[in-house]
């Protein structure tokens, strides 16, 4: 069997030397209080697409993600905070040949299927996209 897998690694941005190429953007929103009523949960199979503008110049090697939970109006938990035991994760871009220039638009497509996150990047956006 031949297999090509996406590599996800645990990272801690507080202790990692990196160059941020975009501002943070939202991949998914999930309502964990969803009423299923004889159907599978919608958050077991999600897709999203977002256009993002590069805020820096460099070569894309990974997309870093983290989770933010709003438990109620006054209580939120974010795995971006260094005080928590949970850290961030990164999807390593295999054979990604994307160099970004500040101001360039890119398209990020994300999938979440049975708790597996997939991310692809397209930097061939036409002007006005």
N, C-alpha and C. Protein backbone atom coordinates (compact mmCIF):
# COMPACT_ATOMS: atom_id res chain seq x y z
N UNK A 1 0.84 -1.16 0.00
CA UNK A 1 0.00 0.00 0.00
C UNK A 1 0.89 1.23 0.00
N UNK A 2 0.52 2.20 -0.82
CA UNK A 2 1.21 3.49 -0.85
C UNK A 2 0.28 4.50 -0.23
N UNK A 3 0.83 5.34 0.63
CA UNK A 3 0.01 6.28 1.36
C UNK A 3 0.71 7.64 1.41
N UNK A 4 -0.06 8.68 1.20
CA UNK A 4 0.46 10.02 1.40
C UNK A 4 -0.41 10.67 2.46
N UNK A 5 0.19 11.04 3.57
CA UNK A 5 -0.56 11.58 4.69
C UNK A 5 -0.20 13.04 4.93
N UNK A 6 -1.17 13.78 5.43
CA UNK A 6 -0.92 15.15 5.84
C UNK A 6 -0.33 15.12 7.23
N UNK A 7 0.72 15.87 7.44
CA UNK A 7 1.38 15.88 8.73
C UNK A 7 0.86 17.05 9.56
N UNK A 8 0.33 16.73 10.74
CA UNK A 8 -0.07 17.72 11.73
C UNK A 8 0.93 17.61 12.88
N UNK A 9 1.46 18.73 13.30
CA UNK A 9 2.41 18.70 14.41
C UNK A 9 1.94 19.65 15.50
N UNK A 10 2.25 19.31 16.75
CA UNK A 10 1.99 20.22 17.86
C UNK A 10 3.05 21.30 17.86
N UNK A 11 2.62 22.54 18.03
CA UNK A 11 3.57 23.65 18.10
C UNK A 11 3.19 24.54 19.28
N UNK A 12 4.13 25.32 19.71
CA UNK A 12 3.90 26.33 20.73
C UNK A 12 4.46 27.63 20.17
N UNK A 13 3.58 28.48 19.71
CA UNK A 13 4.01 29.71 19.05
C UNK A 13 4.84 30.61 19.96
N UNK A 14 4.67 30.46 21.26
CA UNK A 14 5.46 31.26 22.21
C UNK A 14 6.94 30.89 22.16
N UNK A 15 7.25 29.66 21.74
CA UNK A 15 8.63 29.19 21.74
C UNK A 15 9.11 28.80 20.34
N UNK A 16 8.42 29.26 19.33
CA UNK A 16 8.76 28.88 17.95
C UNK A 16 9.22 30.11 17.18
N UNK A 17 10.32 29.97 16.47
CA UNK A 17 10.81 31.05 15.62
C UNK A 17 10.08 30.95 14.28
N UNK A 18 9.25 31.94 13.96
CA UNK A 18 8.45 31.88 12.74
C UNK A 18 8.18 33.29 12.23
N UNK A 19 7.72 33.36 11.00
CA UNK A 19 7.27 34.61 10.39
C UNK A 19 5.80 34.46 10.08
N UNK A 20 4.97 35.30 10.66
CA UNK A 20 3.52 35.26 10.39
C UNK A 20 3.26 35.95 9.06
N UNK A 21 2.59 35.25 8.16
CA UNK A 21 2.35 35.78 6.81
C UNK A 21 0.93 36.31 6.61
N UNK A 22 -0.01 36.00 7.53
CA UNK A 22 -1.37 36.52 7.46
C UNK A 22 -1.85 36.82 8.87
N UNK A 23 -2.91 37.60 8.96
CA UNK A 23 -3.60 37.75 10.23
C UNK A 23 -4.38 36.47 10.48
N UNK A 24 -4.73 36.19 11.72
CA UNK A 24 -5.56 35.00 12.00
C UNK A 24 -6.89 35.07 11.24
N UNK A 25 -7.38 33.93 10.83
CA UNK A 25 -8.67 33.84 10.14
C UNK A 25 -9.40 32.61 10.67
N UNK A 26 -10.71 32.61 10.54
CA UNK A 26 -11.53 31.53 11.09
C UNK A 26 -11.68 30.41 10.09
N UNK A 27 -11.42 29.18 10.54
CA UNK A 27 -11.62 28.01 9.69
C UNK A 27 -13.04 27.48 9.82
N UNK A 28 -13.48 27.22 11.05
CA UNK A 28 -14.79 26.61 11.29
C UNK A 28 -15.46 27.23 12.50
N UNK A 29 -16.78 27.13 12.53
CA UNK A 29 -17.57 27.44 13.72
C UNK A 29 -18.44 26.23 13.99
N UNK A 30 -18.45 25.79 15.23
CA UNK A 30 -19.24 24.62 15.61
C UNK A 30 -20.11 24.95 16.81
N UNK A 31 -21.32 24.45 16.78
CA UNK A 31 -22.21 24.57 17.92
C UNK A 31 -22.30 23.20 18.56
N UNK A 32 -21.64 23.03 19.69
CA UNK A 32 -21.62 21.73 20.35
C UNK A 32 -22.93 21.42 21.07
N UNK A 33 -23.83 22.39 21.11
CA UNK A 33 -25.15 22.19 21.70
C UNK A 33 -26.19 21.86 20.63
N UNK A 34 -25.75 21.55 19.46
CA UNK A 34 -26.64 21.25 18.34
C UNK A 34 -27.59 20.10 18.69
N UNK A 35 -28.86 20.24 18.31
CA UNK A 35 -29.86 19.19 18.51
C UNK A 35 -29.85 18.29 17.27
N UNK A 36 -29.45 17.03 17.42
CA UNK A 36 -29.24 16.15 16.28
C UNK A 36 -30.52 15.56 15.71
N UNK A 37 -31.47 15.20 16.50
CA UNK A 37 -32.76 14.65 16.07
C UNK A 37 -32.63 13.64 14.93
N UNK A 38 -32.05 12.50 15.22
CA UNK A 38 -31.95 11.38 14.27
C UNK A 38 -31.13 11.67 13.03
N UNK A 39 -30.15 12.54 13.16
CA UNK A 39 -29.24 12.78 12.04
C UNK A 39 -27.83 12.97 12.60
N UNK A 40 -26.82 12.73 11.79
CA UNK A 40 -25.45 12.91 12.29
C UNK A 40 -25.16 14.38 12.59
N UNK A 41 -24.22 14.59 13.47
CA UNK A 41 -23.81 15.94 13.81
C UNK A 41 -23.22 16.64 12.60
N UNK A 42 -23.56 17.90 12.41
CA UNK A 42 -23.02 18.65 11.27
C UNK A 42 -21.53 18.89 11.41
N UNK A 43 -20.99 18.89 12.63
CA UNK A 43 -19.57 19.17 12.77
C UNK A 43 -18.69 17.94 12.56
N UNK A 44 -19.27 16.84 12.13
CA UNK A 44 -18.47 15.69 11.72
C UNK A 44 -18.08 15.77 10.25
N UNK A 45 -18.66 16.72 9.53
CA UNK A 45 -18.38 16.86 8.10
C UNK A 45 -18.58 18.33 7.72
N UNK A 46 -17.50 19.11 7.80
CA UNK A 46 -17.56 20.53 7.50
C UNK A 46 -16.59 20.91 6.41
N UNK A 47 -16.92 21.92 5.65
CA UNK A 47 -15.99 22.53 4.69
C UNK A 47 -16.11 24.03 4.83
N UNK A 48 -15.04 24.72 4.56
CA UNK A 48 -15.08 26.18 4.54
C UNK A 48 -14.05 26.70 3.55
N UNK A 49 -14.31 27.88 3.06
CA UNK A 49 -13.39 28.56 2.15
C UNK A 49 -13.30 30.01 2.58
N UNK A 50 -12.11 30.54 2.56
CA UNK A 50 -11.91 31.93 2.93
C UNK A 50 -10.78 32.52 2.09
N UNK A 51 -10.97 33.75 1.65
CA UNK A 51 -9.91 34.48 0.98
C UNK A 51 -9.18 35.30 2.04
N UNK A 52 -7.86 35.24 2.01
CA UNK A 52 -7.02 35.90 3.01
C UNK A 52 -6.00 36.75 2.28
N UNK A 53 -5.67 37.89 2.86
CA UNK A 53 -4.65 38.78 2.29
C UNK A 53 -3.37 38.62 3.10
N UNK A 54 -2.27 38.41 2.41
CA UNK A 54 -0.98 38.27 3.09
C UNK A 54 -0.58 39.59 3.73
N UNK A 55 -0.12 39.51 4.97
CA UNK A 55 0.35 40.70 5.68
C UNK A 55 1.87 40.71 5.80
N UNK A 56 2.50 39.67 5.26
CA UNK A 56 3.95 39.57 5.28
C UNK A 56 4.42 38.91 3.99
N UNK A 57 5.72 38.84 3.82
CA UNK A 57 6.32 38.24 2.64
C UNK A 57 7.16 37.05 3.09
N UNK A 58 7.00 35.91 2.40
CA UNK A 58 7.77 34.72 2.75
C UNK A 58 7.23 33.48 2.08
N UNK A 59 7.82 32.34 2.42
CA UNK A 59 7.46 31.04 1.86
C UNK A 59 6.55 30.31 2.83
N UNK A 60 5.42 29.80 2.35
CA UNK A 60 4.46 29.09 3.19
C UNK A 60 4.98 27.68 3.46
N UNK A 61 5.09 27.33 4.74
CA UNK A 61 5.48 25.97 5.11
C UNK A 61 4.41 25.28 5.95
N UNK A 62 3.52 26.06 6.58
CA UNK A 62 2.50 25.46 7.45
C UNK A 62 1.36 26.44 7.67
N UNK A 63 0.21 25.87 8.04
CA UNK A 63 -0.92 26.66 8.52
C UNK A 63 -1.13 26.24 9.97
N UNK A 64 -1.03 27.20 10.86
CA UNK A 64 -1.18 26.94 12.30
C UNK A 64 -2.63 27.17 12.68
N UNK A 65 -3.17 26.28 13.51
CA UNK A 65 -4.54 26.47 13.98
C UNK A 65 -4.63 26.18 15.47
N UNK A 66 -5.67 26.72 16.07
CA UNK A 66 -5.94 26.50 17.48
C UNK A 66 -7.44 26.56 17.67
N UNK A 67 -7.89 26.25 18.87
CA UNK A 67 -9.32 26.20 19.16
C UNK A 67 -9.68 27.27 20.17
N UNK A 68 -10.82 27.88 19.96
CA UNK A 68 -11.36 28.83 20.92
C UNK A 68 -12.77 28.37 21.27
N UNK A 69 -13.02 28.19 22.57
CA UNK A 69 -14.30 27.72 23.06
C UNK A 69 -14.97 28.83 23.87
N UNK A 70 -16.18 29.20 23.47
CA UNK A 70 -16.98 30.13 24.25
C UNK A 70 -17.96 29.30 25.07
N UNK A 71 -17.65 29.14 26.35
CA UNK A 71 -18.48 28.31 27.21
C UNK A 71 -19.76 29.04 27.63
N UNK A 72 -19.65 30.32 27.87
CA UNK A 72 -20.79 31.19 28.15
C UNK A 72 -20.31 32.62 27.89
N UNK A 73 -21.14 33.59 28.15
CA UNK A 73 -20.77 34.98 27.83
C UNK A 73 -19.48 35.43 28.49
N UNK A 74 -19.21 34.97 29.68
CA UNK A 74 -18.05 35.47 30.42
C UNK A 74 -16.87 34.50 30.48
N UNK A 75 -17.02 33.30 29.91
CA UNK A 75 -15.94 32.31 29.99
C UNK A 75 -15.58 31.81 28.60
N UNK A 76 -14.33 32.04 28.22
CA UNK A 76 -13.80 31.54 26.95
C UNK A 76 -12.48 30.85 27.21
N UNK A 77 -12.19 29.84 26.42
CA UNK A 77 -10.92 29.13 26.50
C UNK A 77 -10.30 29.14 25.11
N UNK A 78 -9.02 29.47 25.05
CA UNK A 78 -8.31 29.47 23.78
C UNK A 78 -7.02 28.69 23.93
N UNK A 79 -6.76 27.76 23.00
CA UNK A 79 -5.51 27.00 23.05
C UNK A 79 -4.35 27.83 22.51
N UNK A 80 -4.60 29.09 22.15
CA UNK A 80 -3.53 29.99 21.75
C UNK A 80 -2.80 30.53 22.98
N UNK A 81 -3.48 30.55 24.12
CA UNK A 81 -2.90 31.08 25.36
C UNK A 81 -1.85 30.11 25.90
N UNK A 82 -0.72 30.65 26.28
CA UNK A 82 0.39 29.79 26.72
C UNK A 82 0.20 29.24 28.13
N UNK A 83 -0.78 29.74 28.88
CA UNK A 83 -0.97 29.26 30.26
C UNK A 83 -1.71 27.92 30.31
N UNK A 84 -2.31 27.51 29.23
CA UNK A 84 -3.06 26.27 29.21
C UNK A 84 -2.15 25.10 28.81
N UNK A 85 -2.52 23.88 29.19
CA UNK A 85 -1.70 22.74 28.80
C UNK A 85 -1.81 22.40 27.31
N UNK A 86 -2.88 22.87 26.64
CA UNK A 86 -3.04 22.60 25.22
C UNK A 86 -2.29 23.65 24.41
N UNK A 87 -1.75 23.24 23.31
CA UNK A 87 -0.99 24.15 22.45
C UNK A 87 -1.67 24.27 21.10
N UNK A 88 -0.98 24.81 20.17
CA UNK A 88 -1.48 24.96 18.82
C UNK A 88 -1.04 23.75 18.00
N UNK A 89 -1.60 23.64 16.79
CA UNK A 89 -1.19 22.59 15.86
C UNK A 89 -0.90 23.24 14.52
N UNK A 90 -0.14 22.56 13.73
CA UNK A 90 0.20 23.07 12.40
C UNK A 90 -0.01 21.97 11.37
N UNK A 91 -0.64 22.34 10.26
CA UNK A 91 -0.73 21.45 9.11
C UNK A 91 0.46 21.81 8.23
N UNK A 92 1.38 20.87 8.09
CA UNK A 92 2.56 21.11 7.26
C UNK A 92 2.15 20.99 5.79
N UNK A 93 2.53 21.97 5.01
CA UNK A 93 2.18 21.99 3.59
C UNK A 93 3.20 21.18 2.81
N UNK A 94 2.80 19.97 2.45
CA UNK A 94 3.71 19.09 1.70
C UNK A 94 3.84 19.61 0.27
N UNK A 95 5.05 19.61 -0.20
CA UNK A 95 5.39 20.10 -1.54
C UNK A 95 4.64 21.38 -1.89
N UNK A 96 4.57 22.25 -0.91
CA UNK A 96 3.91 23.55 -1.10
C UNK A 96 4.93 24.50 -1.72
N UNK A 97 4.60 24.99 -2.87
CA UNK A 97 5.51 25.89 -3.56
C UNK A 97 4.88 27.28 -3.62
N UNK A 98 4.52 27.80 -2.45
CA UNK A 98 3.83 29.08 -2.41
C UNK A 98 4.69 30.11 -1.71
N UNK A 99 5.08 31.11 -2.47
CA UNK A 99 5.75 32.27 -1.91
C UNK A 99 4.73 33.40 -1.91
N UNK A 100 4.60 34.06 -0.77
CA UNK A 100 3.64 35.15 -0.65
C UNK A 100 4.35 36.49 -0.60
N UNK A 101 3.66 37.48 -1.15
CA UNK A 101 4.12 38.87 -1.10
C UNK A 101 3.05 39.64 -0.33
N UNK A 102 3.45 40.53 0.52
CA UNK A 102 2.51 41.32 1.31
C UNK A 102 1.46 41.95 0.39
N UNK A 103 0.19 41.77 0.74
CA UNK A 103 -0.92 42.29 -0.06
C UNK A 103 -1.51 41.27 -1.03
N UNK A 104 -0.83 40.15 -1.23
CA UNK A 104 -1.31 39.12 -2.14
C UNK A 104 -2.50 38.39 -1.53
N UNK A 105 -3.51 38.08 -2.36
CA UNK A 105 -4.67 37.32 -1.90
C UNK A 105 -4.43 35.83 -2.13
N UNK A 106 -4.83 35.03 -1.13
CA UNK A 106 -4.77 33.58 -1.26
C UNK A 106 -6.12 33.01 -0.84
N UNK A 107 -6.40 31.81 -1.29
CA UNK A 107 -7.65 31.13 -0.97
C UNK A 107 -7.33 29.91 -0.11
N UNK A 108 -7.95 29.84 1.06
CA UNK A 108 -7.74 28.72 1.98
C UNK A 108 -9.00 27.88 1.99
N UNK A 109 -8.88 26.59 1.70
CA UNK A 109 -10.01 25.67 1.77
C UNK A 109 -9.73 24.68 2.90
N UNK A 110 -10.72 24.53 3.78
CA UNK A 110 -10.57 23.65 4.93
C UNK A 110 -11.67 22.61 4.94
N UNK A 111 -11.30 21.40 5.35
CA UNK A 111 -12.28 20.34 5.51
C UNK A 111 -12.10 19.73 6.90
N UNK A 112 -13.20 19.32 7.47
CA UNK A 112 -13.19 18.61 8.74
C UNK A 112 -14.11 17.41 8.56
N UNK A 113 -13.53 16.24 8.53
CA UNK A 113 -14.31 15.02 8.32
C UNK A 113 -13.90 14.01 9.37
N UNK A 114 -14.86 13.61 10.21
CA UNK A 114 -14.61 12.64 11.28
C UNK A 114 -13.38 13.03 12.11
N UNK A 115 -13.31 14.28 12.50
CA UNK A 115 -12.29 14.88 13.35
C UNK A 115 -10.92 15.03 12.68
N UNK A 116 -10.83 14.86 11.37
CA UNK A 116 -9.57 15.07 10.65
C UNK A 116 -9.64 16.38 9.87
N UNK A 117 -8.69 17.27 10.12
CA UNK A 117 -8.66 18.58 9.47
C UNK A 117 -7.73 18.52 8.26
N UNK A 118 -8.22 19.04 7.14
CA UNK A 118 -7.41 19.17 5.94
C UNK A 118 -7.42 20.62 5.48
N UNK A 119 -6.29 21.12 5.03
CA UNK A 119 -6.19 22.51 4.59
C UNK A 119 -5.41 22.55 3.29
N UNK A 120 -5.96 23.27 2.32
CA UNK A 120 -5.24 23.50 1.06
C UNK A 120 -5.20 25.01 0.79
N UNK A 121 -4.17 25.42 0.07
CA UNK A 121 -3.98 26.83 -0.26
C UNK A 121 -3.87 26.99 -1.76
N UNK A 122 -4.59 27.98 -2.28
CA UNK A 122 -4.48 28.34 -3.70
C UNK A 122 -4.07 29.80 -3.76
N UNK A 123 -2.96 30.07 -4.39
CA UNK A 123 -2.49 31.46 -4.50
C UNK A 123 -2.71 32.03 -5.89
N UNK A 124 -3.51 31.36 -6.70
CA UNK A 124 -3.77 31.84 -8.06
C UNK A 124 -5.10 32.56 -8.17
N UNK A 125 -5.36 33.48 -7.27
CA UNK A 125 -6.61 34.24 -7.31
C UNK A 125 -6.52 35.34 -8.35
N UNK A 126 -7.61 35.53 -9.05
CA UNK A 126 -7.67 36.63 -10.01
C UNK A 126 -7.91 37.92 -9.25
N UNK A 127 -7.51 39.03 -9.83
CA UNK A 127 -7.75 40.32 -9.20
C UNK A 127 -9.24 40.51 -9.02
N UNK A 128 -9.63 41.07 -7.86
CA UNK A 128 -11.04 41.30 -7.57
C UNK A 128 -11.71 40.11 -6.91
N UNK A 129 -11.01 39.00 -6.70
CA UNK A 129 -11.62 37.82 -6.05
C UNK A 129 -11.79 38.06 -4.59
